[in-house]
Amino acid sequence: MSDGTSYFYITDFPGVCLSNYFNEITKKTVNLISIATLGIKMVKILEMVHATGNVHNDLGLDKIIIG
Protein backbone atom coordinates (compact mmCIF):
# COMPACT_ATOMS: atom_id res chain seq x y z
CA MET A 1 0.00 0.00 0.00
CA SER A 2 1.14 3.52 -0.61
CA ASP A 3 0.98 4.52 3.09
CA GLY A 4 3.42 1.76 4.09
CA THR A 5 0.79 -0.35 5.83
CA SER A 6 1.25 -4.10 5.44
CA TYR A 7 -1.57 -6.62 5.56
CA PHE A 8 -1.27 -10.38 5.94
CA TYR A 9 -3.62 -13.32 6.20
CA ILE A 10 -2.96 -16.62 7.94
CA THR A 11 -5.02 -19.68 7.06
CA ASP A 12 -4.99 -23.48 7.19
CA PHE A 13 -3.23 -23.62 10.54
CA PRO A 14 -3.45 -27.05 12.20
CA GLY A 15 -5.18 -27.19 15.55
CA VAL A 16 -8.52 -26.47 17.17
CA CYS A 17 -10.02 -23.01 17.49
CA LEU A 18 -10.58 -21.90 21.06
CA SER A 19 -14.37 -21.69 20.76
CA ASN A 20 -14.57 -25.32 19.56
CA TYR A 21 -12.18 -26.42 22.30
CA PHE A 22 -14.41 -24.99 25.03
CA ASN A 23 -17.76 -25.84 23.41
CA GLU A 24 -17.31 -29.21 21.75
CA ILE A 25 -14.15 -30.93 22.91
CA THR A 26 -14.04 -30.42 26.66
CA LYS A 27 -17.81 -30.48 27.38
CA LYS A 28 -16.90 -29.87 30.98
CA THR A 29 -16.09 -26.92 33.17
CA VAL A 30 -12.70 -25.34 32.78
CA ASN A 31 -11.20 -24.06 36.01
CA LEU A 32 -10.50 -20.38 36.54
CA ILE A 33 -6.73 -20.85 36.83
CA SER A 34 -6.59 -22.46 33.37
CA ILE A 35 -8.62 -19.63 31.84
CA ALA A 36 -6.47 -16.98 33.54
CA THR A 37 -3.24 -18.69 32.43
CA LEU A 38 -4.47 -18.93 28.85
CA GLY A 39 -5.58 -15.29 28.90
CA ILE A 40 -2.19 -14.10 30.16
CA LYS A 41 -0.40 -16.10 27.45
CA MET A 42 -2.69 -14.66 24.76
CA VAL A 43 -2.07 -11.09 25.96
CA LYS A 44 1.71 -11.67 25.89
CA ILE A 45 1.51 -12.99 22.33
CA LEU A 46 -0.63 -10.03 21.24
CA GLU A 47 1.86 -7.65 22.86
CA MET A 48 4.66 -9.24 20.79
CA VAL A 49 2.59 -8.95 17.61
CA HIS A 50 1.72 -5.30 18.35
CA ALA A 51 5.39 -4.54 19.08
CA THR A 52 6.13 -5.43 15.44
CA GLY A 53 3.54 -2.90 14.30
CA ASN A 54 0.82 -5.42 13.40
CA VAL A 55 -2.78 -5.19 14.58
CA HIS A 56 -5.51 -7.85 14.37
CA ASN A 57 -8.79 -6.15 13.50
CA ASP A 58 -11.17 -9.08 14.09
CA LEU A 59 -10.00 -11.09 17.08
CA GLY A 60 -12.33 -13.69 18.56
CA LEU A 61 -12.35 -17.18 20.06
CA ASP A 62 -12.95 -18.68 16.62
CA LYS A 63 -9.73 -17.11 15.33
CA ILE A 64 -7.41 -18.34 18.09
CA ILE A 65 -5.95 -21.76 17.32
CA ILE A 66 -4.52 -24.10 19.94
CA GLY A 67 -2.65 -27.27 19.21
PDB file of N, CA and C in Angstrom:
ATOM      1  N   MET A   1       0.836  -1.176   0.000  1.00  0.00           N
ATOM      2  CA  MET A   1       0.000   0.000   0.000  1.00  0.00           C
ATOM      3  C   MET A   1       0.885   1.244   0.000  1.00  0.00           C
ATOM      4  N   SER A   2       0.350   2.306  -0.474  1.00  0.00           N
ATOM      5  CA  SER A   2       1.141   3.520  -0.606  1.00  0.00           C
ATOM      6  C   SER A   2       1.483   4.171   0.732  1.00  0.00           C
ATOM      7  N   ASP A   3       0.699   3.914   1.783  1.00  0.00           N
ATOM      8  CA  ASP A   3       0.985   4.523   3.090  1.00  0.00           C
ATOM      9  C   ASP A   3       1.957   3.686   3.918  1.00  0.00           C
ATOM     10  N   GLY A   4       2.459   2.597   3.377  1.00  0.00           N
ATOM     11  CA  GLY A   4       3.419   1.763   4.087  1.00  0.00           C
ATOM     12  C   GLY A   4       2.796   0.716   4.985  1.00  0.00           C
ATOM     13  N   THR A   5       1.467   0.632   5.005  1.00  0.00           N
ATOM     14  CA  THR A   5       0.787  -0.354   5.830  1.00  0.00           C
ATOM     15  C   THR A   5       0.867  -1.715   5.166  1.00  0.00           C
ATOM     16  N   SER A   6       1.201  -2.735   5.955  1.00  0.00           N
ATOM     17  CA  SER A   6       1.253  -4.099   5.445  1.00  0.00           C
ATOM     18  C   SER A   6       0.064  -4.883   5.982  1.00  0.00           C
ATOM     19  N   TYR A   7      -0.469  -5.754   5.163  1.00  0.00           N
ATOM     20  CA  TYR A   7      -1.565  -6.619   5.561  1.00  0.00           C
ATOM     21  C   TYR A   7      -1.148  -8.061   5.310  1.00  0.00           C
ATOM     22  N   PHE A   8      -1.570  -8.973   6.177  1.00  0.00           N
ATOM     23  CA  PHE A   8      -1.274 -10.377   5.945  1.00  0.00           C
ATOM     24  C   PHE A   8      -2.449 -11.207   6.412  1.00  0.00           C
ATOM     25  N   TYR A   9      -2.528 -12.410   5.900  1.00  0.00           N
ATOM     26  CA  TYR A   9      -3.624 -13.316   6.204  1.00  0.00           C
ATOM     27  C   TYR A   9      -3.037 -14.688   6.496  1.00  0.00           C
ATOM     28  N   ILE A  10      -3.446 -15.292   7.586  1.00  0.00           N
ATOM     29  CA  ILE A  10      -2.959 -16.623   7.942  1.00  0.00           C
ATOM     30  C   ILE A  10      -4.142 -17.586   7.858  1.00  0.00           C
ATOM     31  N   THR A  11      -3.943 -18.705   7.196  1.00  0.00           N
ATOM     32  CA  THR A  11      -5.022 -19.679   7.061  1.00  0.00           C
ATOM     33  C   THR A  11      -4.471 -21.095   7.103  1.00  0.00           C
ATOM     34  N   ASP A  12      -5.350 -22.063   7.191  1.00  0.00           N
ATOM     35  CA  ASP A  12      -4.992 -23.480   7.190  1.00  0.00           C
ATOM     36  C   ASP A  12      -3.953 -23.829   8.251  1.00  0.00           C
ATOM     37  N   PHE A  13      -4.138 -23.325   9.444  1.00  0.00           N
ATOM     38  CA  PHE A  13      -3.229 -23.623  10.543  1.00  0.00           C
ATOM     39  C   PHE A  13      -3.771 -24.832  11.295  1.00  0.00           C
ATOM     40  N   PRO A  14      -2.954 -25.843  11.515  1.00  0.00           N
ATOM     41  CA  PRO A  14      -3.453 -27.046  12.198  1.00  0.00           C
ATOM     42  C   PRO A  14      -3.756 -26.766  13.667  1.00  0.00           C
ATOM     43  N   GLY A  15      -4.802 -27.351  14.152  1.00  0.00           N
ATOM     44  CA  GLY A  15      -5.181 -27.187  15.548  1.00  0.00           C
ATOM     45  C   GLY A  15      -6.674 -27.011  15.681  1.00  0.00           C
ATOM     46  N   VAL A  16      -7.112 -26.648  16.855  1.00  0.00           N
ATOM     47  CA  VAL A  16      -8.524 -26.469  17.165  1.00  0.00           C
ATOM     48  C   VAL A  16      -8.731 -25.028  17.588  1.00  0.00           C
ATOM     49  N   CYS A  17      -9.772 -24.381  17.050  1.00  0.00           N
ATOM     50  CA  CYS A  17     -10.021 -23.006  17.489  1.00  0.00           C
ATOM     51  C   CYS A  17     -10.543 -23.028  18.925  1.00  0.00           C
ATOM     52  N   LEU A  18     -10.290 -21.969  19.630  1.00  0.00           N
ATOM     53  CA  LEU A  18     -10.580 -21.898  21.058  1.00  0.00           C
ATOM     54  C   LEU A  18     -12.064 -22.088  21.352  1.00  0.00           C
ATOM     55  N   SER A  19     -12.940 -21.539  20.511  1.00  0.00           N
ATOM     56  CA  SER A  19     -14.373 -21.693  20.761  1.00  0.00           C
ATOM     57  C   SER A  19     -14.793 -23.160  20.656  1.00  0.00           C
ATOM     58  N   ASN A  20     -14.249 -23.891  19.674  1.00  0.00           N
ATOM     59  CA  ASN A  20     -14.566 -25.321  19.561  1.00  0.00           C
ATOM     60  C   ASN A  20     -13.984 -26.108  20.728  1.00  0.00           C
ATOM     61  N   TYR A  21     -12.809 -25.723  21.174  1.00  0.00           N
ATOM     62  CA  TYR A  21     -12.178 -26.417  22.301  1.00  0.00           C
ATOM     63  C   TYR A  21     -13.071 -26.343  23.535  1.00  0.00           C
ATOM     64  N   PHE A  22     -13.574 -25.154  23.835  1.00  0.00           N
ATOM     65  CA  PHE A  22     -14.408 -24.994  25.026  1.00  0.00           C
ATOM     66  C   PHE A  22     -15.807 -25.564  24.823  1.00  0.00           C
ATOM     67  N   ASN A  23     -16.367 -25.434  23.632  1.00  0.00           N
ATOM     68  CA  ASN A  23     -17.758 -25.837  23.411  1.00  0.00           C
ATOM     69  C   ASN A  23     -17.933 -27.308  23.080  1.00  0.00           C
ATOM     70  N   GLU A  24     -17.065 -27.865  22.251  1.00  0.00           N
ATOM     71  CA  GLU A  24     -17.309 -29.207  21.749  1.00  0.00           C
ATOM     72  C   GLU A  24     -16.374 -30.263  22.327  1.00  0.00           C
ATOM     73  N   ILE A  25     -15.121 -29.917  22.524  1.00  0.00           N
ATOM     74  CA  ILE A  25     -14.147 -30.930  22.914  1.00  0.00           C
ATOM     75  C   ILE A  25     -14.194 -31.211  24.411  1.00  0.00           C
ATOM     76  N   THR A  26     -14.124 -30.171  25.224  1.00  0.00           N
ATOM     77  CA  THR A  26     -14.041 -30.419  26.662  1.00  0.00           C
ATOM     78  C   THR A  26     -15.381 -30.850  27.242  1.00  0.00           C
ATOM     79  N   LYS A  27     -16.465 -30.194  26.864  1.00  0.00           N
ATOM     80  CA  LYS A  27     -17.810 -30.481  27.383  1.00  0.00           C
ATOM     81  C   LYS A  27     -17.814 -30.627  28.906  1.00  0.00           C
ATOM     82  N   LYS A  28     -16.956 -29.873  29.523  1.00  0.00           N
ATOM     83  CA  LYS A  28     -16.898 -29.868  30.983  1.00  0.00           C
ATOM     84  C   LYS A  28     -16.465 -28.475  31.412  1.00  0.00           C
ATOM     85  N   THR A  29     -16.514 -28.220  32.672  1.00  0.00           N
ATOM     86  CA  THR A  29     -16.093 -26.922  33.170  1.00  0.00           C
ATOM     87  C   THR A  29     -14.577 -26.805  33.119  1.00  0.00           C
ATOM     88  N   VAL A  30     -14.128 -25.619  32.792  1.00  0.00           N
ATOM     89  CA  VAL A  30     -12.697 -25.336  32.781  1.00  0.00           C
ATOM     90  C   VAL A  30     -12.430 -24.455  33.989  1.00  0.00           C
ATOM     91  N   ASN A  31     -11.416 -24.808  34.776  1.00  0.00           N
ATOM     92  CA  ASN A  31     -11.198 -24.056  36.011  1.00  0.00           C
ATOM     93  C   ASN A  31     -10.650 -22.658  35.732  1.00  0.00           C
ATOM     94  N   LEU A  32     -10.859 -21.779  36.673  1.00  0.00           N
ATOM     95  CA  LEU A  32     -10.505 -20.375  36.539  1.00  0.00           C
ATOM     96  C   LEU A  32      -9.003 -20.170  36.342  1.00  0.00           C
ATOM     97  N   ILE A  33      -8.189 -20.982  36.976  1.00  0.00           N
ATOM     98  CA  ILE A  33      -6.729 -20.853  36.835  1.00  0.00           C
ATOM     99  C   ILE A  33      -6.311 -21.129  35.394  1.00  0.00           C
ATOM    100  N   SER A  34      -6.907 -22.144  34.761  1.00  0.00           N
ATOM    101  CA  SER A  34      -6.590 -22.461  33.370  1.00  0.00           C
ATOM    102  C   SER A  34      -6.986 -21.319  32.445  1.00  0.00           C
ATOM    103  N   ILE A  35      -8.155 -20.745  32.671  1.00  0.00           N
ATOM    104  CA  ILE A  35      -8.619 -19.633  31.841  1.00  0.00           C
ATOM    105  C   ILE A  35      -7.711 -18.421  32.029  1.00  0.00           C
ATOM    106  N   ALA A  36      -7.349 -18.120  33.270  1.00  0.00           N
ATOM    107  CA  ALA A  36      -6.470 -16.976  33.535  1.00  0.00           C
ATOM    108  C   ALA A  36      -5.097 -17.187  32.909  1.00  0.00           C
ATOM    109  N   THR A  37      -4.542 -18.387  33.014  1.00  0.00           N
ATOM    110  CA  THR A  37      -3.236 -18.689  32.426  1.00  0.00           C
ATOM    111  C   THR A  37      -3.274 -18.535  30.916  1.00  0.00           C
ATOM    112  N   LEU A  38      -4.309 -19.056  30.290  1.00  0.00           N
ATOM    113  CA  LEU A  38      -4.470 -18.933  28.846  1.00  0.00           C
ATOM    114  C   LEU A  38      -4.619 -17.466  28.436  1.00  0.00           C
ATOM    115  N   GLY A  39      -5.403 -16.711  29.186  1.00  0.00           N
ATOM    116  CA  GLY A  39      -5.584 -15.294  28.896  1.00  0.00           C
ATOM    117  C   GLY A  39      -4.287 -14.514  28.983  1.00  0.00           C
ATOM    118  N   ILE A  40      -3.488 -14.779  29.999  1.00  0.00           N
ATOM    119  CA  ILE A  40      -2.194 -14.097  30.160  1.00  0.00           C
ATOM    120  C   ILE A  40      -1.266 -14.433  28.998  1.00  0.00           C
ATOM    121  N   LYS A  41      -1.237 -15.703  28.587  1.00  0.00           N
ATOM    122  CA  LYS A  41      -0.398 -16.099  27.454  1.00  0.00           C
ATOM    123  C   LYS A  41      -0.849 -15.413  26.168  1.00  0.00           C
ATOM    124  N   MET A  42      -2.162 -15.314  25.968  1.00  0.00           N
ATOM    125  CA  MET A  42      -2.688 -14.664  24.761  1.00  0.00           C
ATOM    126  C   MET A  42      -2.328 -13.180  24.747  1.00  0.00           C
ATOM    127  N   VAL A  43      -2.424 -12.514  25.885  1.00  0.00           N
ATOM    128  CA  VAL A  43      -2.066 -11.094  25.961  1.00  0.00           C
ATOM    129  C   VAL A  43      -0.584 -10.898  25.650  1.00  0.00           C
ATOM    130  N   LYS A  44       0.277 -11.777  26.172  1.00  0.00           N
ATOM    131  CA  LYS A  44       1.712 -11.667  25.894  1.00  0.00           C
ATOM    132  C   LYS A  44       1.999 -11.838  24.405  1.00  0.00           C
ATOM    133  N   ILE A  45       1.319 -12.790  23.770  1.00  0.00           N
ATOM    134  CA  ILE A  45       1.507 -12.991  22.330  1.00  0.00           C
ATOM    135  C   ILE A  45       1.026 -11.773  21.557  1.00  0.00           C
ATOM    136  N   LEU A  46      -0.128 -11.231  21.922  1.00  0.00           N
ATOM    137  CA  LEU A  46      -0.632 -10.032  21.243  1.00  0.00           C
ATOM    138  C   LEU A  46       0.298  -8.841  21.442  1.00  0.00           C
ATOM    139  N   GLU A  47       0.896  -8.721  22.619  1.00  0.00           N
ATOM    140  CA  GLU A  47       1.863  -7.647  22.855  1.00  0.00           C
ATOM    141  C   GLU A  47       3.059  -7.782  21.924  1.00  0.00           C
ATOM    142  N   MET A  48       3.533  -9.019  21.707  1.00  0.00           N
ATOM    143  CA  MET A  48       4.657  -9.239  20.785  1.00  0.00           C
ATOM    144  C   MET A  48       4.263  -8.886  19.357  1.00  0.00           C
ATOM    145  N   VAL A  49       3.056  -9.273  18.963  1.00  0.00           N
ATOM    146  CA  VAL A  49       2.585  -8.945  17.612  1.00  0.00           C
ATOM    147  C   VAL A  49       2.465  -7.437  17.446  1.00  0.00           C
ATOM    148  N   HIS A  50       1.884  -6.764  18.427  1.00  0.00           N
ATOM    149  CA  HIS A  50       1.725  -5.304  18.354  1.00  0.00           C
ATOM    150  C   HIS A  50       3.074  -4.588  18.357  1.00  0.00           C
ATOM    151  N   ALA A  51       4.056  -5.148  19.040  1.00  0.00           N
ATOM    152  CA  ALA A  51       5.388  -4.536  19.076  1.00  0.00           C
ATOM    153  C   ALA A  51       6.030  -4.505  17.691  1.00  0.00           C
ATOM    154  N   THR A  52       5.603  -5.418  16.815  1.00  0.00           N
ATOM    155  CA  THR A  52       6.133  -5.427  15.442  1.00  0.00           C
ATOM    156  C   THR A  52       5.356  -4.486  14.538  1.00  0.00           C
ATOM    157  N   GLY A  53       4.325  -3.843  15.079  1.00  0.00           N
ATOM    158  CA  GLY A  53       3.539  -2.902  14.295  1.00  0.00           C
ATOM    159  C   GLY A  53       2.311  -3.508  13.644  1.00  0.00           C
ATOM    160  N   ASN A  54       1.996  -4.758  13.981  1.00  0.00           N
ATOM    161  CA  ASN A  54       0.824  -5.419  13.404  1.00  0.00           C
ATOM    162  C   ASN A  54      -0.351  -5.350  14.363  1.00  0.00           C
ATOM    163  N   VAL A  55      -1.551  -5.263  13.797  1.00  0.00           N
ATOM    164  CA  VAL A  55      -2.775  -5.195  14.583  1.00  0.00           C
ATOM    165  C   VAL A  55      -3.774  -6.177  13.983  1.00  0.00           C
ATOM    166  N   HIS A  56      -4.462  -6.942  14.830  1.00  0.00           N
ATOM    167  CA  HIS A  56      -5.509  -7.853  14.368  1.00  0.00           C
ATOM    168  C   HIS A  56      -6.831  -7.126  14.544  1.00  0.00           C
ATOM    169  N   ASN A  57      -7.573  -6.950  13.452  1.00  0.00           N
ATOM    170  CA  ASN A  57      -8.793  -6.151  13.505  1.00  0.00           C
ATOM    171  C   ASN A  57     -10.056  -6.948  13.791  1.00  0.00           C
ATOM    172  N   ASP A  58      -9.967  -8.259  13.890  1.00  0.00           N
ATOM    173  CA  ASP A  58     -11.167  -9.077  14.087  1.00  0.00           C
ATOM    174  C   ASP A  58     -10.835 -10.273  14.966  1.00  0.00           C
ATOM    175  N   LEU A  59     -10.431 -10.024  16.182  1.00  0.00           N
ATOM    176  CA  LEU A  59     -10.001 -11.095  17.080  1.00  0.00           C
ATOM    177  C   LEU A  59     -11.203 -11.688  17.811  1.00  0.00           C
ATOM    178  N   GLY A  60     -11.269 -13.003  17.847  1.00  0.00           N
ATOM    179  CA  GLY A  60     -12.333 -13.690  18.556  1.00  0.00           C
ATOM    180  C   GLY A  60     -11.911 -15.111  18.867  1.00  0.00           C
ATOM    181  N   LEU A  61     -12.706 -15.816  19.669  1.00  0.00           N
ATOM    182  CA  LEU A  61     -12.353 -17.175  20.061  1.00  0.00           C
ATOM    183  C   LEU A  61     -12.256 -18.115  18.862  1.00  0.00           C
ATOM    184  N   ASP A  62     -13.007 -17.821  17.795  1.00  0.00           N
ATOM    185  CA  ASP A  62     -12.953 -18.685  16.619  1.00  0.00           C
ATOM    186  C   ASP A  62     -11.731 -18.428  15.760  1.00  0.00           C
ATOM    187  N   LYS A  63     -10.927 -17.425  16.090  1.00  0.00           N
ATOM    188  CA  LYS A  63      -9.726 -17.113  15.332  1.00  0.00           C
ATOM    189  C   LYS A  63      -8.446 -17.410  16.091  1.00  0.00           C
ATOM    190  N   ILE A  64      -8.577 -17.968  17.291  1.00  0.00           N
ATOM    191  CA  ILE A  64      -7.412 -18.340  18.095  1.00  0.00           C
ATOM    192  C   ILE A  64      -7.291 -19.852  18.037  1.00  0.00           C
ATOM    193  N   ILE A  65      -6.165 -20.329  17.526  1.00  0.00           N
ATOM    194  CA  ILE A  65      -5.950 -21.756  17.320  1.00  0.00           C
ATOM    195  C   ILE A  65      -5.007 -22.303  18.412  1.00  0.00           C
ATOM    196  N   ILE A  66      -5.391 -23.433  18.986  1.00  0.00           N
ATOM    197  CA  ILE A  66      -4.523 -24.102  19.942  1.00  0.00           C
ATOM    198  C   ILE A  66      -4.174 -25.472  19.390  1.00  0.00           C
ATOM    199  N   GLY A  67      -3.025 -25.970  19.747  1.00  0.00           N
ATOM    200  CA  GLY A  67      -2.648 -27.266  19.207  1.00  0.00           C
ATOM    201  C   GLY A  67      -1.688 -27.986  20.104  1.00  0.00           C
TER     202      GLY A  67
END
